All heavy atoms as atom14 arrays in JSON, in Angstrom:
{
  "sequence": "PGGSLRLSCVFSGLPLADYAIAWFRQVSGKEREGIACIRKSGSVT",
  "atom14_mask": [
    [1, 1, 1, 1, 1, 1, 1, 0, 0, 0, 0, 0, 0, 0],
    [1, 1, 1, 1, 0, 0, 0, 0, 0, 0, 0, 0, 0, 0],
    [1, 1, 1, 1, 0, 0, 0, 0, 0, 0, 0, 0, 0, 0],
    [1, 1, 1, 1, 1, 1, 0, 0, 0, 0, 0, 0, 0, 0],
    [1, 1, 1, 1, 1, 1, 1, 1, 0, 0, 0, 0, 0, 0],
    [1, 1, 1, 1, 1, 1, 1, 1, 1, 1, 1, 0, 0, 0],
    [1, 1, 1, 1, 1, 1, 1, 1, 0, 0, 0, 0, 0, 0],
    [1, 1, 1, 1, 1, 1, 0, 0, 0, 0, 0, 0, 0, 0],
    [1, 1, 1, 1, 1, 1, 0, 0, 0, 0, 0, 0, 0, 0],
    [1, 1, 1, 1, 1, 1, 1, 0, 0, 0, 0, 0, 0, 0],
    [1, 1, 1, 1, 1, 1, 1, 1, 1, 1, 1, 0, 0, 0],
    [1, 1, 1, 1, 1, 1, 0, 0, 0, 0, 0, 0, 0, 0],
    [1, 1, 1, 1, 0, 0, 0, 0, 0, 0, 0, 0, 0, 0],
    [1, 1, 1, 1, 1, 1, 1, 1, 0, 0, 0, 0, 0, 0],
    [1, 1, 1, 1, 1, 1, 1, 0, 0, 0, 0, 0, 0, 0],
    [1, 1, 1, 1, 1, 1, 1, 1, 0, 0, 0, 0, 0, 0],
    [1, 1, 1, 1, 1, 0, 0, 0, 0, 0, 0, 0, 0, 0],
    [1, 1, 1, 1, 1, 1, 1, 1, 0, 0, 0, 0, 0, 0],
    [1, 1, 1, 1, 1, 1, 1, 1, 1, 1, 1, 1, 0, 0],
    [1, 1, 1, 1, 1, 0, 0, 0, 0, 0, 0, 0, 0, 0],
    [1, 1, 1, 1, 1, 1, 1, 1, 0, 0, 0, 0, 0, 0],
    [1, 1, 1, 1, 1, 0, 0, 0, 0, 0, 0, 0, 0, 0],
    [1, 1, 1, 1, 1, 1, 1, 1, 1, 1, 1, 1, 1, 1],
    [1, 1, 1, 1, 1, 1, 1, 1, 1, 1, 1, 0, 0, 0],
    [1, 1, 1, 1, 1, 1, 1, 1, 1, 1, 1, 0, 0, 0],
    [1, 1, 1, 1, 1, 1, 1, 1, 1, 0, 0, 0, 0, 0],
    [1, 1, 1, 1, 1, 1, 1, 0, 0, 0, 0, 0, 0, 0],
    [1, 1, 1, 1, 1, 1, 0, 0, 0, 0, 0, 0, 0, 0],
    [1, 1, 1, 1, 0, 0, 0, 0, 0, 0, 0, 0, 0, 0],
    [1, 1, 1, 1, 1, 1, 1, 1, 1, 0, 0, 0, 0, 0],
    [1, 1, 1, 1, 1, 1, 1, 1, 1, 0, 0, 0, 0, 0],
    [1, 1, 1, 1, 1, 1, 1, 1, 1, 1, 1, 0, 0, 0],
    [1, 1, 1, 1, 1, 1, 1, 1, 1, 0, 0, 0, 0, 0],
    [1, 1, 1, 1, 0, 0, 0, 0, 0, 0, 0, 0, 0, 0],
    [1, 1, 1, 1, 1, 1, 1, 1, 0, 0, 0, 0, 0, 0],
    [1, 1, 1, 1, 1, 0, 0, 0, 0, 0, 0, 0, 0, 0],
    [1, 1, 1, 1, 1, 1, 0, 0, 0, 0, 0, 0, 0, 0],
    [1, 1, 1, 1, 1, 1, 1, 1, 0, 0, 0, 0, 0, 0],
    [1, 1, 1, 1, 1, 1, 1, 1, 1, 1, 1, 0, 0, 0],
    [1, 1, 1, 1, 1, 1, 1, 1, 1, 0, 0, 0, 0, 0],
    [1, 1, 1, 1, 1, 1, 0, 0, 0, 0, 0, 0, 0, 0],
    [1, 1, 1, 1, 0, 0, 0, 0, 0, 0, 0, 0, 0, 0],
    [1, 1, 1, 1, 1, 1, 0, 0, 0, 0, 0, 0, 0, 0],
    [1, 1, 1, 1, 1, 1, 1, 0, 0, 0, 0, 0, 0, 0],
    [1, 1, 1, 1, 1, 1, 1, 0, 0, 0, 0, 0, 0, 0]
  ],
  "atom14_positions": [
    [[114.54, 82.62, 118.03], [115.07, 83.98, 118.18], [115.36, 84.6, 116.81], [115.9, 83.94, 115.93], [116.35, 83.78, 118.99], [116.09, 82.53, 119.76], [115.3, 81.65, 118.84], [0.0, 0.0, 0.0], [0.0, 0.0, 0.0], [0.0, 0.0, 0.0], [0.0, 0.0, 0.0], [0.0, 0.0, 0.0], [0.0, 0.0, 0.0], [0.0, 0.0, 0.0]],
    [[115.0, 85.87, 116.66], [115.15, 86.55, 115.38], [113.96, 86.4, 114.46], [113.89, 87.08, 113.42], [0.0, 0.0, 0.0], [0.0, 0.0, 0.0], [0.0, 0.0, 0.0], [0.0, 0.0, 0.0], [0.0, 0.0, 0.0], [0.0, 0.0, 0.0], [0.0, 0.0, 0.0], [0.0, 0.0, 0.0], [0.0, 0.0, 0.0], [0.0, 0.0, 0.0]],
    [[113.02, 85.54, 114.82], [111.84, 85.31, 114.01], [110.75, 86.33, 114.24], [110.91, 87.28, 115.01], [0.0, 0.0, 0.0], [0.0, 0.0, 0.0], [0.0, 0.0, 0.0], [0.0, 0.0, 0.0], [0.0, 0.0, 0.0], [0.0, 0.0, 0.0], [0.0, 0.0, 0.0], [0.0, 0.0, 0.0], [0.0, 0.0, 0.0], [0.0, 0.0, 0.0]],
    [[109.61, 86.12, 113.58], [108.48, 87.05, 113.64], [107.18, 86.33, 113.92], [107.01, 85.15, 113.58], [108.34, 87.81, 112.32], [109.49, 88.58, 112.03], [0.0, 0.0, 0.0], [0.0, 0.0, 0.0], [0.0, 0.0, 0.0], [0.0, 0.0, 0.0], [0.0, 0.0, 0.0], [0.0, 0.0, 0.0], [0.0, 0.0, 0.0], [0.0, 0.0, 0.0]],
    [[106.24, 87.05, 114.53], [104.87, 86.59, 114.72], [103.94, 87.77, 114.53], [104.31, 88.9, 114.78], [104.66, 86.02, 116.13], [105.2, 84.63, 116.46], [104.98, 84.35, 117.94], [104.51, 83.57, 115.62], [0.0, 0.0, 0.0], [0.0, 0.0, 0.0], [0.0, 0.0, 0.0], [0.0, 0.0, 0.0], [0.0, 0.0, 0.0], [0.0, 0.0, 0.0]],
    [[102.72, 87.48, 114.09], [101.69, 88.5, 113.99], [100.49, 88.07, 114.83], [99.82, 87.09, 114.51], [101.26, 88.7, 112.54], [100.37, 89.93, 112.34], [99.86, 90.02, 110.92], [99.28, 91.33, 110.64], [98.57, 91.62, 109.55], [98.38, 90.7, 108.62], [98.09, 92.84, 109.38], [0.0, 0.0, 0.0], [0.0, 0.0, 0.0], [0.0, 0.0, 0.0]],
    [[100.23, 88.8, 115.91], [99.11, 88.52, 116.77], [97.87, 89.25, 116.29], [97.96, 90.34, 115.72], [99.41, 88.94, 118.21], [100.7, 88.39, 118.84], [100.79, 88.85, 120.29], [100.75, 86.87, 118.74], [0.0, 0.0, 0.0], [0.0, 0.0, 0.0], [0.0, 0.0, 0.0], [0.0, 0.0, 0.0], [0.0, 0.0, 0.0], [0.0, 0.0, 0.0]],
    [[96.7, 88.66, 116.52], [95.43, 89.26, 116.16], [94.56, 89.42, 117.39], [94.59, 88.58, 118.3], [94.69, 88.41, 115.13], [95.42, 88.3, 113.93], [0.0, 0.0, 0.0], [0.0, 0.0, 0.0], [0.0, 0.0, 0.0], [0.0, 0.0, 0.0], [0.0, 0.0, 0.0], [0.0, 0.0, 0.0], [0.0, 0.0, 0.0], [0.0, 0.0, 0.0]],
    [[93.78, 90.48, 117.42], [92.8, 90.73, 118.48], [91.48, 91.06, 117.81], [91.35, 92.13, 117.2], [93.27, 91.87, 119.38], [92.06, 92.43, 120.6], [0.0, 0.0, 0.0], [0.0, 0.0, 0.0], [0.0, 0.0, 0.0], [0.0, 0.0, 0.0], [0.0, 0.0, 0.0], [0.0, 0.0, 0.0], [0.0, 0.0, 0.0], [0.0, 0.0, 0.0]],
    [[90.52, 90.16, 117.9], [89.21, 90.38, 117.31], [88.3, 91.04, 118.35], [88.11, 90.5, 119.44], [88.58, 89.08, 116.8], [87.19, 89.35, 116.24], [89.46, 88.46, 115.72], [0.0, 0.0, 0.0], [0.0, 0.0, 0.0], [0.0, 0.0, 0.0], [0.0, 0.0, 0.0], [0.0, 0.0, 0.0], [0.0, 0.0, 0.0], [0.0, 0.0, 0.0]],
    [[87.75, 92.19, 118.0], [86.92, 93.0, 118.87], [85.48, 92.88, 118.41], [85.18, 93.1, 117.24], [87.42, 94.45, 118.78], [86.7, 95.44, 119.65], [87.11, 95.67, 120.95], [85.64, 96.17, 119.15], [86.47, 96.61, 121.75], [84.99, 97.11, 119.94], [85.4, 97.33, 121.24], [0.0, 0.0, 0.0], [0.0, 0.0, 0.0], [0.0, 0.0, 0.0]],
    [[84.59, 92.55, 119.31], [83.19, 92.38, 118.93], [82.25, 93.02, 119.94], [82.64, 93.32, 121.06], [82.85, 90.89, 118.77], [82.99, 90.2, 120.0], [0.0, 0.0, 0.0], [0.0, 0.0, 0.0], [0.0, 0.0, 0.0], [0.0, 0.0, 0.0], [0.0, 0.0, 0.0], [0.0, 0.0, 0.0], [0.0, 0.0, 0.0], [0.0, 0.0, 0.0]],
    [[81.02, 93.22, 119.53], [79.99, 93.81, 120.37], [79.65, 95.24, 119.99], [78.48, 95.64, 120.02], [0.0, 0.0, 0.0], [0.0, 0.0, 0.0], [0.0, 0.0, 0.0], [0.0, 0.0, 0.0], [0.0, 0.0, 0.0], [0.0, 0.0, 0.0], [0.0, 0.0, 0.0], [0.0, 0.0, 0.0], [0.0, 0.0, 0.0], [0.0, 0.0, 0.0]],
    [[80.67, 96.01, 119.62], [80.53, 97.39, 119.19], [81.59, 97.68, 118.13], [82.57, 96.95, 118.02], [80.69, 98.36, 120.37], [79.57, 98.32, 121.41], [79.96, 99.13, 122.65], [78.27, 98.85, 120.83], [0.0, 0.0, 0.0], [0.0, 0.0, 0.0], [0.0, 0.0, 0.0], [0.0, 0.0, 0.0], [0.0, 0.0, 0.0], [0.0, 0.0, 0.0]],
    [[81.41, 98.74, 117.35], [82.39, 99.03, 116.3], [83.78, 99.31, 116.86], [83.93, 100.09, 117.8], [81.82, 100.27, 115.61], [80.34, 100.21, 115.88], [80.24, 99.65, 117.27], [0.0, 0.0, 0.0], [0.0, 0.0, 0.0], [0.0, 0.0, 0.0], [0.0, 0.0, 0.0], [0.0, 0.0, 0.0], [0.0, 0.0, 0.0], [0.0, 0.0, 0.0]],
    [[84.79, 98.7, 116.27], [86.16, 98.94, 116.68], [86.54, 100.41, 116.55], [87.33, 100.92, 117.35], [87.1, 98.07, 115.83], [88.6, 98.26, 116.05], [88.99, 97.97, 117.49], [89.38, 97.38, 115.08], [0.0, 0.0, 0.0], [0.0, 0.0, 0.0], [0.0, 0.0, 0.0], [0.0, 0.0, 0.0], [0.0, 0.0, 0.0], [0.0, 0.0, 0.0]],
    [[85.97, 101.09, 115.57], [86.3, 102.49, 115.33], [85.94, 103.4, 116.5], [86.41, 104.54, 116.55], [85.59, 102.97, 114.06], [0.0, 0.0, 0.0], [0.0, 0.0, 0.0], [0.0, 0.0, 0.0], [0.0, 0.0, 0.0], [0.0, 0.0, 0.0], [0.0, 0.0, 0.0], [0.0, 0.0, 0.0], [0.0, 0.0, 0.0], [0.0, 0.0, 0.0]],
    [[85.13, 102.92, 117.43], [84.71, 103.73, 118.57], [85.62, 103.59, 119.79], [85.37, 104.23, 120.82], [83.29, 103.37, 118.99], [82.25, 103.76, 117.95], [82.57, 104.55, 117.05], [81.11, 103.27, 118.05], [0.0, 0.0, 0.0], [0.0, 0.0, 0.0], [0.0, 0.0, 0.0], [0.0, 0.0, 0.0], [0.0, 0.0, 0.0], [0.0, 0.0, 0.0]],
    [[86.68, 102.77, 119.7], [87.52, 102.48, 120.86], [89.01, 102.53, 120.54], [89.42, 102.33, 119.41], [87.19, 101.09, 121.42], [85.8, 101.0, 121.96], [84.73, 100.65, 121.14], [85.53, 101.29, 123.3], [83.44, 100.6, 121.62], [84.24, 101.24, 123.8], [83.2, 100.9, 122.96], [81.92, 100.84, 123.44], [0.0, 0.0, 0.0], [0.0, 0.0, 0.0]],
    [[89.8, 102.79, 121.57], [91.24, 102.59, 121.52], [91.55, 101.18, 121.99], [90.9, 100.67, 122.9], [91.95, 103.61, 122.41], [0.0, 0.0, 0.0], [0.0, 0.0, 0.0], [0.0, 0.0, 0.0], [0.0, 0.0, 0.0], [0.0, 0.0, 0.0], [0.0, 0.0, 0.0], [0.0, 0.0, 0.0], [0.0, 0.0, 0.0], [0.0, 0.0, 0.0]],
    [[92.54, 100.54, 121.36], [92.93, 99.18, 121.71], [94.43, 99.15, 122.0], [95.22, 99.68, 121.22], [92.62, 98.18, 120.58], [91.13, 98.25, 120.18], [92.99, 96.76, 121.01], [90.17, 97.79, 121.25], [0.0, 0.0, 0.0], [0.0, 0.0, 0.0], [0.0, 0.0, 0.0], [0.0, 0.0, 0.0], [0.0, 0.0, 0.0], [0.0, 0.0, 0.0]],
    [[94.8, 98.51, 123.1], [96.21, 98.41, 123.47], [96.63, 96.96, 123.61], [95.81, 96.08, 123.91], [96.47, 99.14, 124.79], [0.0, 0.0, 0.0], [0.0, 0.0, 0.0], [0.0, 0.0, 0.0], [0.0, 0.0, 0.0], [0.0, 0.0, 0.0], [0.0, 0.0, 0.0], [0.0, 0.0, 0.0], [0.0, 0.0, 0.0], [0.0, 0.0, 0.0]],
    [[97.91, 96.7, 123.38], [98.52, 95.41, 123.64], [99.38, 95.49, 124.89], [100.14, 96.45, 125.07], [99.4, 94.96, 122.47], [98.64, 94.45, 121.29], [98.31, 95.14, 120.16], [98.13, 93.13, 121.1], [97.63, 94.34, 119.29], [97.5, 93.09, 119.84], [98.15, 91.96, 121.88], [96.89, 91.94, 119.33], [97.53, 90.83, 121.37], [96.92, 90.83, 120.12]],
    [[99.23, 94.49, 125.76], [100.04, 94.34, 126.96], [100.66, 92.95, 126.95], [100.21, 92.06, 126.23], [99.18, 94.5, 128.22], [98.64, 95.88, 128.44], [97.49, 96.3, 127.78], [99.27, 96.76, 129.3], [96.98, 97.57, 127.98], [98.77, 98.04, 129.5], [97.63, 98.44, 128.85], [0.0, 0.0, 0.0], [0.0, 0.0, 0.0], [0.0, 0.0, 0.0]],
    [[101.68, 92.76, 127.77], [102.24, 91.43, 127.94], [102.63, 91.21, 129.39], [102.86, 92.16, 130.14], [103.46, 91.21, 127.04], [104.69, 92.01, 127.43], [105.83, 91.75, 126.44], [107.02, 92.51, 126.77], [108.11, 92.54, 126.01], [108.16, 91.85, 124.87], [109.16, 93.27, 126.38], [0.0, 0.0, 0.0], [0.0, 0.0, 0.0], [0.0, 0.0, 0.0]],
    [[102.7, 89.93, 129.77], [103.11, 89.58, 131.11], [104.09, 88.42, 131.05], [103.76, 87.33, 130.57], [101.92, 89.2, 131.99], [102.28, 89.0, 133.44], [101.08, 89.07, 134.36], [99.94, 88.98, 133.93], [101.35, 89.22, 135.64], [0.0, 0.0, 0.0], [0.0, 0.0, 0.0], [0.0, 0.0, 0.0], [0.0, 0.0, 0.0], [0.0, 0.0, 0.0]],
    [[105.3, 88.68, 131.51], [106.34, 87.65, 131.62], [106.19, 87.01, 132.99], [105.85, 87.68, 133.96], [107.74, 88.27, 131.45], [108.82, 87.22, 131.64], [107.86, 88.91, 130.08], [0.0, 0.0, 0.0], [0.0, 0.0, 0.0], [0.0, 0.0, 0.0], [0.0, 0.0, 0.0], [0.0, 0.0, 0.0], [0.0, 0.0, 0.0], [0.0, 0.0, 0.0]],
    [[106.44, 85.7, 133.08], [106.3, 84.98, 134.34], [107.07, 85.67, 135.45], [108.27, 85.96, 135.3], [106.79, 83.54, 134.18], [105.98, 82.82, 133.28], [0.0, 0.0, 0.0], [0.0, 0.0, 0.0], [0.0, 0.0, 0.0], [0.0, 0.0, 0.0], [0.0, 0.0, 0.0], [0.0, 0.0, 0.0], [0.0, 0.0, 0.0], [0.0, 0.0, 0.0]],
    [[106.39, 85.95, 136.55], [107.02, 86.58, 137.69], [107.2, 88.07, 137.59], [107.76, 88.68, 138.5], [0.0, 0.0, 0.0], [0.0, 0.0, 0.0], [0.0, 0.0, 0.0], [0.0, 0.0, 0.0], [0.0, 0.0, 0.0], [0.0, 0.0, 0.0], [0.0, 0.0, 0.0], [0.0, 0.0, 0.0], [0.0, 0.0, 0.0], [0.0, 0.0, 0.0]],
    [[106.73, 88.69, 136.49], [106.9, 90.13, 136.28], [105.54, 90.84, 136.22], [104.5, 90.21, 136.03], [107.67, 90.4, 134.99], [109.0, 89.69, 134.89], [110.0, 90.2, 135.91], [111.35, 89.53, 135.74], [112.32, 89.99, 136.75], [0.0, 0.0, 0.0], [0.0, 0.0, 0.0], [0.0, 0.0, 0.0], [0.0, 0.0, 0.0], [0.0, 0.0, 0.0]],
    [[105.58, 92.15, 136.36], [104.36, 92.96, 136.27], [103.91, 93.07, 134.82], [104.71, 92.99, 133.88], [104.61, 94.35, 136.83], [104.91, 94.4, 138.31], [103.7, 94.07, 139.15], [102.57, 94.4, 138.75], [103.87, 93.45, 140.22], [0.0, 0.0, 0.0], [0.0, 0.0, 0.0], [0.0, 0.0, 0.0], [0.0, 0.0, 0.0], [0.0, 0.0, 0.0]],
    [[102.62, 93.25, 134.62], [102.05, 93.46, 133.3], [102.63, 94.73, 132.68], [102.74, 95.77, 133.35], [100.53, 93.56, 133.41], [99.79, 93.69, 132.09], [98.3, 93.51, 132.32], [97.83, 94.31, 133.44], [96.66, 94.16, 134.03], [95.82, 93.23, 133.62], [96.33, 94.95, 135.04], [0.0, 0.0, 0.0], [0.0, 0.0, 0.0], [0.0, 0.0, 0.0]],
    [[103.0, 94.67, 131.41], [103.69, 95.75, 130.73], [102.94, 96.17, 129.47], [102.61, 95.33, 128.64], [105.11, 95.3, 130.35], [105.9, 96.3, 129.53], [107.2, 95.72, 129.03], [107.26, 94.5, 128.77], [108.18, 96.49, 128.9], [0.0, 0.0, 0.0], [0.0, 0.0, 0.0], [0.0, 0.0, 0.0], [0.0, 0.0, 0.0], [0.0, 0.0, 0.0]],
    [[102.7, 97.46, 129.32], [102.08, 97.96, 128.1], [103.07, 97.95, 126.95], [104.25, 98.23, 127.14], [0.0, 0.0, 0.0], [0.0, 0.0, 0.0], [0.0, 0.0, 0.0], [0.0, 0.0, 0.0], [0.0, 0.0, 0.0], [0.0, 0.0, 0.0], [0.0, 0.0, 0.0], [0.0, 0.0, 0.0], [0.0, 0.0, 0.0], [0.0, 0.0, 0.0]],
    [[102.58, 97.67, 125.74], [103.43, 97.6, 124.56], [103.12, 98.76, 123.6], [104.0, 99.56, 123.29], [103.26, 96.27, 123.82], [103.64, 95.1, 124.74], [104.09, 96.24, 122.53], [103.28, 93.74, 124.18], [0.0, 0.0, 0.0], [0.0, 0.0, 0.0], [0.0, 0.0, 0.0], [0.0, 0.0, 0.0], [0.0, 0.0, 0.0], [0.0, 0.0, 0.0]],
    [[101.89, 98.83, 123.13], [101.5, 99.85, 122.18], [99.99, 99.99, 122.19], [99.27, 99.09, 122.61], [101.98, 99.49, 120.77], [0.0, 0.0, 0.0], [0.0, 0.0, 0.0], [0.0, 0.0, 0.0], [0.0, 0.0, 0.0], [0.0, 0.0, 0.0], [0.0, 0.0, 0.0], [0.0, 0.0, 0.0], [0.0, 0.0, 0.0], [0.0, 0.0, 0.0]],
    [[99.51, 101.13, 121.7], [98.08, 101.4, 121.65], [97.73, 102.07, 120.34], [98.52, 102.87, 119.83], [97.68, 102.31, 122.83], [95.9, 102.61, 122.99], [0.0, 0.0, 0.0], [0.0, 0.0, 0.0], [0.0, 0.0, 0.0], [0.0, 0.0, 0.0], [0.0, 0.0, 0.0], [0.0, 0.0, 0.0], [0.0, 0.0, 0.0], [0.0, 0.0, 0.0]],
    [[96.56, 101.74, 119.81], [96.08, 102.38, 118.59], [94.77, 103.1, 118.9], [93.86, 102.54, 119.51], [95.93, 101.37, 117.43], [95.63, 102.09, 116.12], [94.89, 100.3, 117.75], [95.93, 101.24, 114.89], [0.0, 0.0, 0.0], [0.0, 0.0, 0.0], [0.0, 0.0, 0.0], [0.0, 0.0, 0.0], [0.0, 0.0, 0.0], [0.0, 0.0, 0.0]],
    [[94.7, 104.37, 118.51], [93.56, 105.22, 118.83], [92.41, 105.01, 117.85], [92.56, 104.37, 116.82], [93.99, 106.69, 118.85], [95.09, 107.0, 119.85], [95.46, 108.47, 119.83], [96.52, 108.77, 120.8], [97.82, 108.69, 120.53], [98.23, 108.34, 119.32], [98.71, 108.98, 121.47], [0.0, 0.0, 0.0], [0.0, 0.0, 0.0], [0.0, 0.0, 0.0]],
    [[91.27, 105.59, 118.17], [90.11, 105.53, 117.29], [90.44, 106.03, 115.9], [89.96, 105.49, 114.9], [88.96, 106.37, 117.86], [88.5, 105.95, 119.25], [87.52, 106.99, 119.8], [87.17, 106.69, 121.24], [86.27, 107.71, 121.8], [0.0, 0.0, 0.0], [0.0, 0.0, 0.0], [0.0, 0.0, 0.0], [0.0, 0.0, 0.0], [0.0, 0.0, 0.0]],
    [[91.29, 107.06, 115.83], [91.67, 107.67, 114.57], [92.6, 106.79, 113.74], [92.78, 107.04, 112.55], [92.36, 109.0, 114.84], [93.59, 108.8, 115.51], [0.0, 0.0, 0.0], [0.0, 0.0, 0.0], [0.0, 0.0, 0.0], [0.0, 0.0, 0.0], [0.0, 0.0, 0.0], [0.0, 0.0, 0.0], [0.0, 0.0, 0.0], [0.0, 0.0, 0.0]],
    [[93.22, 105.79, 114.38], [94.21, 104.97, 113.71], [95.64, 105.36, 114.02], [96.57, 104.65, 113.64], [0.0, 0.0, 0.0], [0.0, 0.0, 0.0], [0.0, 0.0, 0.0], [0.0, 0.0, 0.0], [0.0, 0.0, 0.0], [0.0, 0.0, 0.0], [0.0, 0.0, 0.0], [0.0, 0.0, 0.0], [0.0, 0.0, 0.0], [0.0, 0.0, 0.0]],
    [[95.84, 106.48, 114.7], [97.19, 106.85, 115.12], [97.63, 105.94, 116.26], [96.81, 105.38, 116.98], [97.25, 108.31, 115.55], [96.48, 108.54, 116.71], [0.0, 0.0, 0.0], [0.0, 0.0, 0.0], [0.0, 0.0, 0.0], [0.0, 0.0, 0.0], [0.0, 0.0, 0.0], [0.0, 0.0, 0.0], [0.0, 0.0, 0.0], [0.0, 0.0, 0.0]],
    [[98.95, 105.79, 116.44], [99.48, 104.84, 117.41], [100.41, 105.53, 118.39], [100.98, 106.59, 118.1], [100.21, 103.67, 116.74], [99.29, 102.97, 115.76], [101.46, 104.17, 116.02], [0.0, 0.0, 0.0], [0.0, 0.0, 0.0], [0.0, 0.0, 0.0], [0.0, 0.0, 0.0], [0.0, 0.0, 0.0], [0.0, 0.0, 0.0], [0.0, 0.0, 0.0]],
    [[100.58, 104.92, 119.56], [101.52, 105.39, 120.55], [102.21, 104.19, 121.18], [101.57, 103.17, 121.45], [100.84, 106.25, 121.62], [101.83, 106.8, 122.49], [99.85, 105.45, 122.46], [0.0, 0.0, 0.0], [0.0, 0.0, 0.0], [0.0, 0.0, 0.0], [0.0, 0.0, 0.0], [0.0, 0.0, 0.0], [0.0, 0.0, 0.0], [0.0, 0.0, 0.0]]
  ]
}
């Protein structure tokens, strides 16, 4: 607790610049939850 991790997502098949990518998570027994998304432009939500 209080520590840090950096997750990576390698995207292949087509250029990453052509897609938006989002991170989701699922806790045991809970619904899948969206975390954040990065757009083609590099802006985030």
